[in-house]
């Protein structure tokens, strides 16, 4: 499979989020960070907005409001 990157962009939360530091719990400090790499494949539905970048950016922007501690650079 060949993947071509057409654009790289920053998605910000749709609303203002608290600007404060968050402390890690003791468990967060002793358990090593890990990343589970995964790739998801979906069959095209034929809809014109099946993989519309604007729709994906808008959804991520809305999701980052309640989950603002997860916001950052990927």
C-alpha atoms as a PDB file:
ATOM      1  CA  UNK A   1       0.000   0.000   0.000  1.00  0.00           C
ATOM      2  CA  UNK A   2       1.289   3.464  -0.859  1.00  0.00           C
ATOM      3  CA  UNK A   3       0.251   6.408   1.301  1.00  0.00           C
ATOM      4  CA  UNK A   4       0.742   9.983   0.139  1.00  0.00           C
ATOM      5  CA  UNK A   5       0.583  12.791   2.709  1.00  0.00           C
ATOM      6  CA  UNK A   6      -1.244  15.682   1.061  1.00  0.00           C
ATOM      7  CA  UNK A   7      -1.459  18.029   4.024  1.00  0.00           C
ATOM      8  CA  UNK A   8      -0.362  18.385   7.627  1.00  0.00           C
ATOM      9  CA  UNK A   9      -2.481  20.580   9.874  1.00  0.00           C
ATOM     10  CA  UNK A  10      -3.140  21.512  13.502  1.00  0.00           C
ATOM     11  CA  UNK A  11      -6.658  20.936  14.856  1.00  0.00           C
ATOM     12  CA  UNK A  12      -7.630  23.028  17.875  1.00  0.00           C
ATOM     13  CA  UNK A  13     -10.536  22.466  20.289  1.00  0.00           C
ATOM     14  CA  UNK A  14     -13.790  24.012  19.046  1.00  0.00           C
ATOM     15  CA  UNK A  15     -14.219  25.950  22.312  1.00  0.00           C
ATOM     16  CA  UNK A  16     -11.934  27.512  24.902  1.00  0.00           C
ATOM     17  CA  UNK A  17     -10.523  24.935  27.320  1.00  0.00           C
ATOM     18  CA  UNK A  18      -9.046  25.420  30.812  1.00  0.00           C
ATOM     19  CA  UNK A  19      -5.431  26.602  30.877  1.00  0.00           C
ATOM     20  CA  UNK A  20      -4.029  24.855  33.903  1.00  0.00           C
ATOM     21  CA  UNK A  21      -1.540  22.165  34.703  1.00  0.00           C
ATOM     22  CA  UNK A  22      -2.669  18.663  35.544  1.00  0.00           C
ATOM     23  CA  UNK A  23      -0.757  16.481  37.973  1.00  0.00           C
ATOM     24  CA  UNK A  24       0.034  12.878  37.164  1.00  0.00           C
ATOM     25  CA  UNK A  25      -1.073  10.246  39.647  1.00  0.00           C
ATOM     26  CA  UNK A  26       1.485   7.956  41.270  1.00  0.00           C
ATOM     27  CA  UNK A  27       0.461   5.204  38.855  1.00  0.00           C
ATOM     28  CA  UNK A  28       1.085   7.485  35.870  1.00  0.00           C
ATOM     29  CA  UNK A  29       4.556   8.243  37.177  1.00  0.00           C
ATOM     30  CA  UNK A  30       5.688   4.617  37.606  1.00  0.00           C
ATOM     31  CA  UNK A  31       3.972   2.883  34.670  1.00  0.00           C
ATOM     32  CA  UNK A  32       5.934   3.315  31.447  1.00  0.00           C
ATOM     33  CA  UNK A  33       4.240   5.050  28.551  1.00  0.00           C
ATOM     34  CA  UNK A  34       3.356   2.806  25.674  1.00  0.00           C
ATOM     35  CA  UNK A  35       1.799   3.211  22.281  1.00  0.00           C
ATOM     36  CA  UNK A  36      -0.324   0.603  20.573  1.00  0.00           C
ATOM     37  CA  UNK A  37       0.082   1.102  16.843  1.00  0.00           C
ATOM     38  CA  UNK A  38      -3.040   0.301  14.890  1.00  0.00           C
ATOM     39  CA  UNK A  39      -4.496   0.968  11.478  1.00  0.00           C
ATOM     40  CA  UNK A  40      -8.201   0.827  10.709  1.00  0.00           C
ATOM     41  CA  UNK A  41      -9.548   0.168   7.225  1.00  0.00           C
ATOM     42  CA  UNK A  42     -13.117   0.979   6.224  1.00  0.00           C
ATOM     43  CA  UNK A  43     -14.965   0.026   3.067  1.00  0.00           C
ATOM     44  CA  UNK A  44     -16.060   3.044   0.997  1.00  0.00           C
ATOM     45  CA  UNK A  45     -19.780   3.692   1.340  1.00  0.00           C
ATOM     46  CA  UNK A  46     -20.124   5.678  -1.852  1.00  0.00           C
ATOM     47  CA  UNK A  47     -21.151   8.781   0.107  1.00  0.00           C
ATOM     48  CA  UNK A  48     -19.489  11.961  -1.202  1.00  0.00           C
ATOM     49  CA  UNK A  49     -18.239  12.863   2.299  1.00  0.00           C
ATOM     50  CA  UNK A  50     -17.029   9.340   3.218  1.00  0.00           C
ATOM     51  CA  UNK A  51     -13.513  10.582   3.962  1.00  0.00           C
ATOM     52  CA  UNK A  52     -13.965  14.358   3.894  1.00  0.00           C
ATOM     53  CA  UNK A  53     -11.053  16.065   5.670  1.00  0.00           C
ATOM     54  CA  UNK A  54     -13.268  18.987   6.786  1.00  0.00           C
ATOM     55  CA  UNK A  55     -15.716  16.598   8.454  1.00  0.00           C
ATOM     56  CA  UNK A  56     -12.885  14.738  10.213  1.00  0.00           C
ATOM     57  CA  UNK A  57     -11.254  17.983  11.408  1.00  0.00           C
ATOM     58  CA  UNK A  58     -14.585  19.297  12.685  1.00  0.00           C
ATOM     59  CA  UNK A  59     -15.332  16.094  14.589  1.00  0.00           C
ATOM     60  CA  UNK A  60     -11.861  16.022  16.156  1.00  0.00           C
ATOM     61  CA  UNK A  61     -12.170  19.704  17.082  1.00  0.00           C
ATOM     62  CA  UNK A  62     -15.439  19.007  18.926  1.00  0.00           C
ATOM     63  CA  UNK A  63     -14.028  15.888  20.627  1.00  0.00           C
ATOM     64  CA  UNK A  64     -11.052  17.845  21.980  1.00  0.00           C
ATOM     65  CA  UNK A  65     -13.329  20.072  24.102  1.00  0.00           C
ATOM     66  CA  UNK A  66     -14.332  17.501  26.771  1.00  0.00           C
ATOM     67  CA  UNK A  67     -11.070  15.593  26.329  1.00  0.00           C
ATOM     68  CA  UNK A  68      -8.783  18.661  26.405  1.00  0.00           C
ATOM     69  CA  UNK A  69      -6.055  16.945  28.481  1.00  0.00           C
ATOM     70  CA  UNK A  70      -5.534  14.646  25.486  1.00  0.00           C
ATOM     71  CA  UNK A  71      -4.962  17.553  23.099  1.00  0.00           C
ATOM     72  CA  UNK A  72      -1.463  17.953  21.763  1.00  0.00           C
ATOM     73  CA  UNK A  73       0.674  17.307  18.762  1.00  0.00           C
ATOM     74  CA  UNK A  74       0.563  13.968  16.969  1.00  0.00           C
END
